[in-house]
């Protein structure tokens, strides 16, 4: 019954322990913060740096391909079981985690012996914006801010997605880590990016769904670090302790107000 209070002596011990009480309280605070107005001092920002997959675009497309379709495609060619292919893939991924190889479609095309981009095109209908991402980019356009996409995606994958969604028309530039030979997890990426685009990291905001990439950006001195908690729309939002948002709607009111000044 709504509003009913359960007596403490009717509750299991684990529900009233200090540890569980603290965890419940922290969870409730986190849930409340999900819908609180999210304030960034946009007048102290010059550059808005945005990840692509899982930040602007729904990660469901990539997850479906890499975790499901890829295995069945390779199995149909080689005759190997999907389980064996999955295990080989996981083992190889572990070797290259945090490196550019992890994201390199050329490498994986050779590893599996398939036309990887051609296979990814079969699922192009799943490529779509995350909620309010398009409106967020539109709200940035009239402001004196530079908007750059900073992604680990291979240039071929970027082009595949640009053929479906009008990202290139809505930002000032798209930077692939493949241009620098190191992934965003590597400090070298941020050094090269800041130099190439004359970015003052203390006047920049960066949004990504990867905690390791966000940590790298934080170490590089980026002023505002925001985690995207709902990268895959087919899965529930994640709970994290880092400053973050589920969707871009929390950022729109302030941006739209600035755009009317």
Protein backbone atom coordinates (compact mmCIF):
# COMPACT_ATOMS: atom_id res chain seq x y z
CA UNK A 1 0.00 0.00 0.00
CA UNK A 2 1.32 3.42 -0.91
CA UNK A 3 2.62 5.34 2.09
CA UNK A 4 2.56 2.30 4.37
CA UNK A 5 5.32 2.24 6.99
CA UNK A 6 6.75 -1.16 7.83
CA UNK A 7 7.78 -1.53 11.49
CA UNK A 8 11.48 -2.13 11.97
CA UNK A 9 10.81 -5.33 13.94
CA UNK A 10 8.97 -6.73 10.92
CA UNK A 11 11.95 -6.24 8.62
CA UNK A 12 14.84 -8.69 8.14
CA UNK A 13 18.06 -7.74 9.92
CA UNK A 14 19.89 -7.17 6.63
CA UNK A 15 17.40 -4.45 5.67
CA UNK A 16 18.07 -2.36 8.79
CA UNK A 17 21.83 -2.81 9.08
CA UNK A 18 23.95 0.37 8.86
CA UNK A 19 25.56 -0.90 5.65
CA UNK A 20 22.27 -1.58 3.86
CA UNK A 21 20.78 1.68 5.09
CA UNK A 22 23.76 3.61 3.71
CA UNK A 23 23.53 1.79 0.38
CA UNK A 24 19.79 2.44 0.09
CA UNK A 25 20.27 6.10 0.94
CA UNK A 26 23.06 6.44 -1.63
CA UNK A 27 20.89 4.73 -4.25
CA UNK A 28 17.97 7.08 -3.59
CA UNK A 29 20.26 10.11 -3.83
CA UNK A 30 21.65 8.81 -7.12
CA UNK A 31 18.15 8.26 -8.52
CA UNK A 32 17.07 11.76 -7.48
CA UNK A 33 20.15 13.30 -9.08
CA UNK A 34 19.26 11.66 -12.41
CA UNK A 35 16.42 14.16 -12.86
CA UNK A 36 17.93 17.21 -11.16
CA UNK A 37 18.76 20.23 -13.34
CA UNK A 38 22.29 19.80 -14.64
CA UNK A 39 24.27 23.03 -14.62
CA UNK A 40 27.44 23.65 -16.57
CA UNK A 41 29.00 27.09 -16.70
CA UNK A 42 28.77 27.22 -20.49
CA UNK A 43 30.20 30.73 -20.54
CA UNK A 44 33.46 29.23 -19.25
CA UNK A 45 33.51 26.66 -22.07
CA UNK A 46 35.01 27.08 -25.54
CA UNK A 47 35.03 23.49 -26.80
CA UNK A 48 32.42 20.75 -26.51
CA UNK A 49 34.03 17.35 -27.11
CA UNK A 50 31.66 14.46 -27.71
CA UNK A 51 32.06 10.74 -28.17
CA UNK A 52 30.00 9.26 -31.00
CA UNK A 53 28.88 5.68 -30.23
CA UNK A 54 26.99 5.40 -26.97
CA UNK A 55 26.97 9.17 -26.51
CA UNK A 56 25.37 10.73 -29.57
CA UNK A 57 24.32 7.46 -31.18
CA UNK A 58 22.59 4.43 -29.69
CA UNK A 59 25.16 1.76 -28.80
CA UNK A 60 22.60 -0.95 -29.56
CA UNK A 61 23.76 -1.00 -33.18
CA UNK A 62 27.38 -1.75 -32.30
CA UNK A 63 26.49 -4.17 -29.50
CA UNK A 64 24.18 -6.14 -31.78
CA UNK A 65 26.85 -6.48 -34.46
CA UNK A 66 29.87 -7.29 -32.28
CA UNK A 67 28.11 -9.48 -29.71
CA UNK A 68 25.61 -11.32 -31.93
CA UNK A 69 25.70 -10.94 -35.71
CA UNK A 70 29.47 -11.17 -36.13
CA UNK A 71 29.60 -14.64 -34.59
CA UNK A 72 26.86 -16.03 -36.82
CA UNK A 73 28.36 -14.46 -39.96
CA UNK A 74 31.79 -15.95 -39.30
CA UNK A 75 30.26 -19.31 -38.36
CA UNK A 76 28.42 -19.39 -41.67
CA UNK A 77 31.71 -18.90 -43.53
CA UNK A 78 34.08 -21.09 -41.52
CA UNK A 79 31.75 -23.77 -40.22
CA UNK A 80 33.05 -23.22 -36.69
CA UNK A 81 30.61 -23.02 -33.80
CA UNK A 82 29.47 -19.58 -32.68
CA UNK A 83 30.67 -20.40 -29.17
CA UNK A 84 34.21 -21.11 -30.41
CA UNK A 85 34.21 -17.92 -32.47
CA UNK A 86 32.97 -15.90 -29.50
CA UNK A 87 35.68 -17.34 -27.25
CA UNK A 88 38.41 -16.60 -29.81
CA UNK A 89 37.11 -13.07 -30.18
CA UNK A 90 37.05 -12.46 -26.42
CA UNK A 91 40.57 -13.79 -26.03
CA UNK A 92 41.86 -11.55 -28.80
CA UNK A 93 40.00 -8.54 -27.41
CA UNK A 94 41.69 -8.97 -24.04
CA UNK A 95 45.10 -8.69 -25.70
CA UNK A 96 44.26 -5.31 -27.20
CA UNK A 97 41.99 -3.66 -24.64
CA UNK A 98 42.59 0.08 -24.46
CA UNK A 99 44.59 0.13 -27.69
CA UNK A 100 43.70 1.22 -31.20
CA UNK A 101 43.58 -2.40 -32.41
CA UNK A 102 40.48 -2.93 -30.27
CA UNK A 103 38.63 -0.44 -32.51
CA UNK A 104 40.32 -1.20 -35.84
CA UNK A 105 37.93 -2.70 -38.37
CA UNK A 106 40.84 -3.44 -40.72
CA UNK A 107 42.40 -5.65 -38.05
CA UNK A 108 39.19 -7.53 -37.29
CA UNK A 109 38.33 -7.95 -40.96
CA UNK A 110 41.67 -9.70 -41.46
CA UNK A 111 41.35 -11.66 -38.20
CA UNK A 112 37.98 -13.12 -39.20
CA UNK A 113 38.52 -13.11 -42.95
CA UNK A 114 35.32 -11.21 -43.78
CA UNK A 115 34.17 -7.95 -45.32
CA UNK A 116 33.51 -6.34 -41.96
CA UNK A 117 32.15 -3.02 -43.21
CA UNK A 118 29.88 -4.83 -45.66
CA UNK A 119 28.58 -6.94 -42.78
CA UNK A 120 28.01 -3.88 -40.61
CA UNK A 121 26.01 -2.23 -43.40
CA UNK A 122 23.43 -5.01 -43.09
CA UNK A 123 22.42 -3.55 -39.72
CA UNK A 124 22.53 0.10 -40.75
CA UNK A 125 18.81 0.43 -39.99
CA UNK A 126 19.73 0.25 -36.28
CA UNK A 127 21.88 3.39 -36.42
CA UNK A 128 20.04 6.22 -34.67
CA UNK A 129 20.49 9.19 -32.36
CA UNK A 130 20.17 8.73 -28.62
CA UNK A 131 17.27 10.65 -27.00
CA UNK A 132 17.64 14.42 -27.32
CA UNK A 133 21.10 14.12 -28.90
CA UNK A 134 19.99 15.84 -32.09
CA UNK A 135 18.25 18.60 -30.12
CA UNK A 136 21.38 19.01 -28.00
CA UNK A 137 23.55 19.52 -31.07
CA UNK A 138 21.02 21.97 -32.49
CA UNK A 139 21.02 23.93 -29.22
CA UNK A 140 24.82 24.25 -29.41
CA UNK A 141 24.87 25.67 -32.95
CA UNK A 142 23.91 29.32 -32.21
CA UNK A 143 26.34 29.53 -29.29
CA UNK A 144 29.98 30.69 -29.55
CA UNK A 145 31.21 27.16 -28.91
CA UNK A 146 33.15 24.74 -31.07
CA UNK A 147 31.69 21.23 -31.15
CA UNK A 148 33.97 18.32 -32.02
CA UNK A 149 33.28 14.61 -32.12
CA UNK A 150 36.22 12.68 -30.66
CA UNK A 151 35.77 8.99 -31.37
CA UNK A 152 37.70 5.73 -31.39
CA UNK A 153 35.69 4.59 -34.40
CA UNK A 154 37.57 3.70 -37.57
CA UNK A 155 37.09 6.24 -40.42
CA UNK A 156 35.20 3.60 -42.43
CA UNK A 157 32.74 3.15 -39.57
CA UNK A 158 32.35 6.91 -39.20
CA UNK A 159 31.47 7.21 -42.88
CA UNK A 160 28.98 4.34 -42.62
CA UNK A 161 27.17 6.21 -39.85
CA UNK A 162 27.36 9.57 -41.60
CA UNK A 163 25.48 7.96 -44.48
CA UNK A 164 22.59 7.38 -42.06
CA UNK A 165 22.60 10.30 -39.60
CA UNK A 166 23.55 13.95 -40.38
CA UNK A 167 26.27 14.26 -37.75
CA UNK A 168 28.80 16.03 -39.96
CA UNK A 169 26.31 18.84 -40.62
CA UNK A 170 25.78 19.46 -36.91
CA UNK A 171 29.35 19.68 -35.59
CA UNK A 172 32.51 21.61 -36.43
CA UNK A 173 34.67 18.55 -36.88
CA UNK A 174 35.02 14.80 -36.41
CA UNK A 175 38.28 13.41 -35.05
CA UNK A 176 39.10 9.70 -35.15
CA UNK A 177 41.79 8.39 -32.83
CA UNK A 178 43.08 6.47 -35.85
CA UNK A 179 44.41 9.81 -37.12
CA UNK A 180 46.82 9.86 -34.18
CA UNK A 181 47.66 6.18 -33.99
CA UNK A 182 46.54 5.88 -30.35
CA UNK A 183 43.17 5.32 -28.70
CA UNK A 184 41.40 7.86 -26.51
CA UNK A 185 42.48 5.84 -23.48
CA UNK A 186 46.07 6.91 -24.26
CA UNK A 187 47.32 10.31 -23.03
CA UNK A 188 48.96 10.79 -26.42
CA UNK A 189 45.54 11.17 -28.02
CA UNK A 190 44.66 14.14 -25.85
CA UNK A 191 48.02 15.82 -26.33
CA UNK A 192 47.65 15.56 -30.11
CA UNK A 193 44.00 16.68 -30.07
CA UNK A 194 44.71 19.75 -27.94
CA UNK A 195 47.65 20.75 -30.14
CA UNK A 196 45.86 20.20 -33.46
CA UNK A 197 42.78 22.19 -32.46
CA UNK A 198 44.38 24.68 -30.04
CA UNK A 199 42.13 23.45 -27.25
CA UNK A 200 42.50 24.78 -23.73
CA UNK A 201 41.37 21.71 -21.74
CA UNK A 202 40.33 23.88 -18.81
CA UNK A 203 37.77 25.50 -21.11
CA UNK A 204 36.42 22.23 -22.50
CA UNK A 205 33.69 19.74 -21.65
CA UNK A 206 33.89 16.09 -22.67
CA UNK A 207 31.10 13.50 -22.72
CA UNK A 208 31.58 9.76 -23.20
CA UNK A 209 30.08 6.46 -22.06
CA UNK A 210 33.46 4.80 -21.35
CA UNK A 211 34.80 5.24 -17.82
CA UNK A 212 38.37 4.50 -18.93
CA UNK A 213 38.21 7.13 -21.66
CA UNK A 214 36.72 9.63 -19.22
CA UNK A 215 39.54 8.94 -16.78
CA UNK A 216 42.07 9.63 -19.53
CA UNK A 217 40.36 12.92 -20.38
CA UNK A 218 40.27 13.83 -16.70
CA UNK A 219 44.00 13.17 -16.35
CA UNK A 220 44.58 15.30 -19.45
CA UNK A 221 43.02 18.24 -17.62
CA UNK A 222 39.58 18.54 -19.26
CA UNK A 223 37.48 20.86 -17.10
CA UNK A 224 34.08 19.14 -17.25
CA UNK A 225 33.79 15.36 -17.50
CA UNK A 226 30.31 13.94 -18.01
CA UNK A 227 29.48 10.25 -18.23
CA UNK A 228 26.62 9.01 -20.40
CA UNK A 229 24.79 6.45 -18.27
CA UNK A 230 22.39 5.10 -20.89
CA UNK A 231 24.53 4.35 -23.97
CA UNK A 232 22.50 1.34 -25.14
CA UNK A 233 18.79 2.08 -25.38
CA UNK A 234 17.99 -1.64 -25.30
CA UNK A 235 19.48 -1.94 -21.81
CA UNK A 236 18.66 -0.11 -18.56
CA UNK A 237 20.73 2.94 -17.58
CA UNK A 238 23.86 2.29 -15.55
CA UNK A 239 24.37 3.57 -12.03
CA UNK A 240 27.69 5.37 -11.62
CA UNK A 241 29.19 7.73 -9.09
CA UNK A 242 30.75 9.99 -11.67
CA UNK A 243 29.01 13.19 -12.75
CA UNK A 244 26.70 12.01 -15.49
CA UNK A 245 23.39 12.05 -17.33
CA UNK A 246 21.07 9.46 -18.82
CA UNK A 247 19.98 11.69 -21.70
CA UNK A 248 20.71 15.18 -23.04
CA UNK A 249 17.36 16.63 -22.01
CA UNK A 250 18.88 17.72 -18.68
CA UNK A 251 21.30 19.99 -20.56
CA UNK A 252 18.81 21.58 -22.93
CA UNK A 253 17.08 24.23 -20.75
CA UNK A 254 20.28 26.11 -19.93
CA UNK A 255 21.61 25.89 -23.51
CA UNK A 256 18.34 27.01 -25.04
CA UNK A 257 18.16 29.93 -22.63
CA UNK A 258 21.68 31.01 -23.59
CA UNK A 259 20.75 30.74 -27.26
CA UNK A 260 18.00 33.31 -26.77
CA UNK A 261 20.27 35.95 -25.22
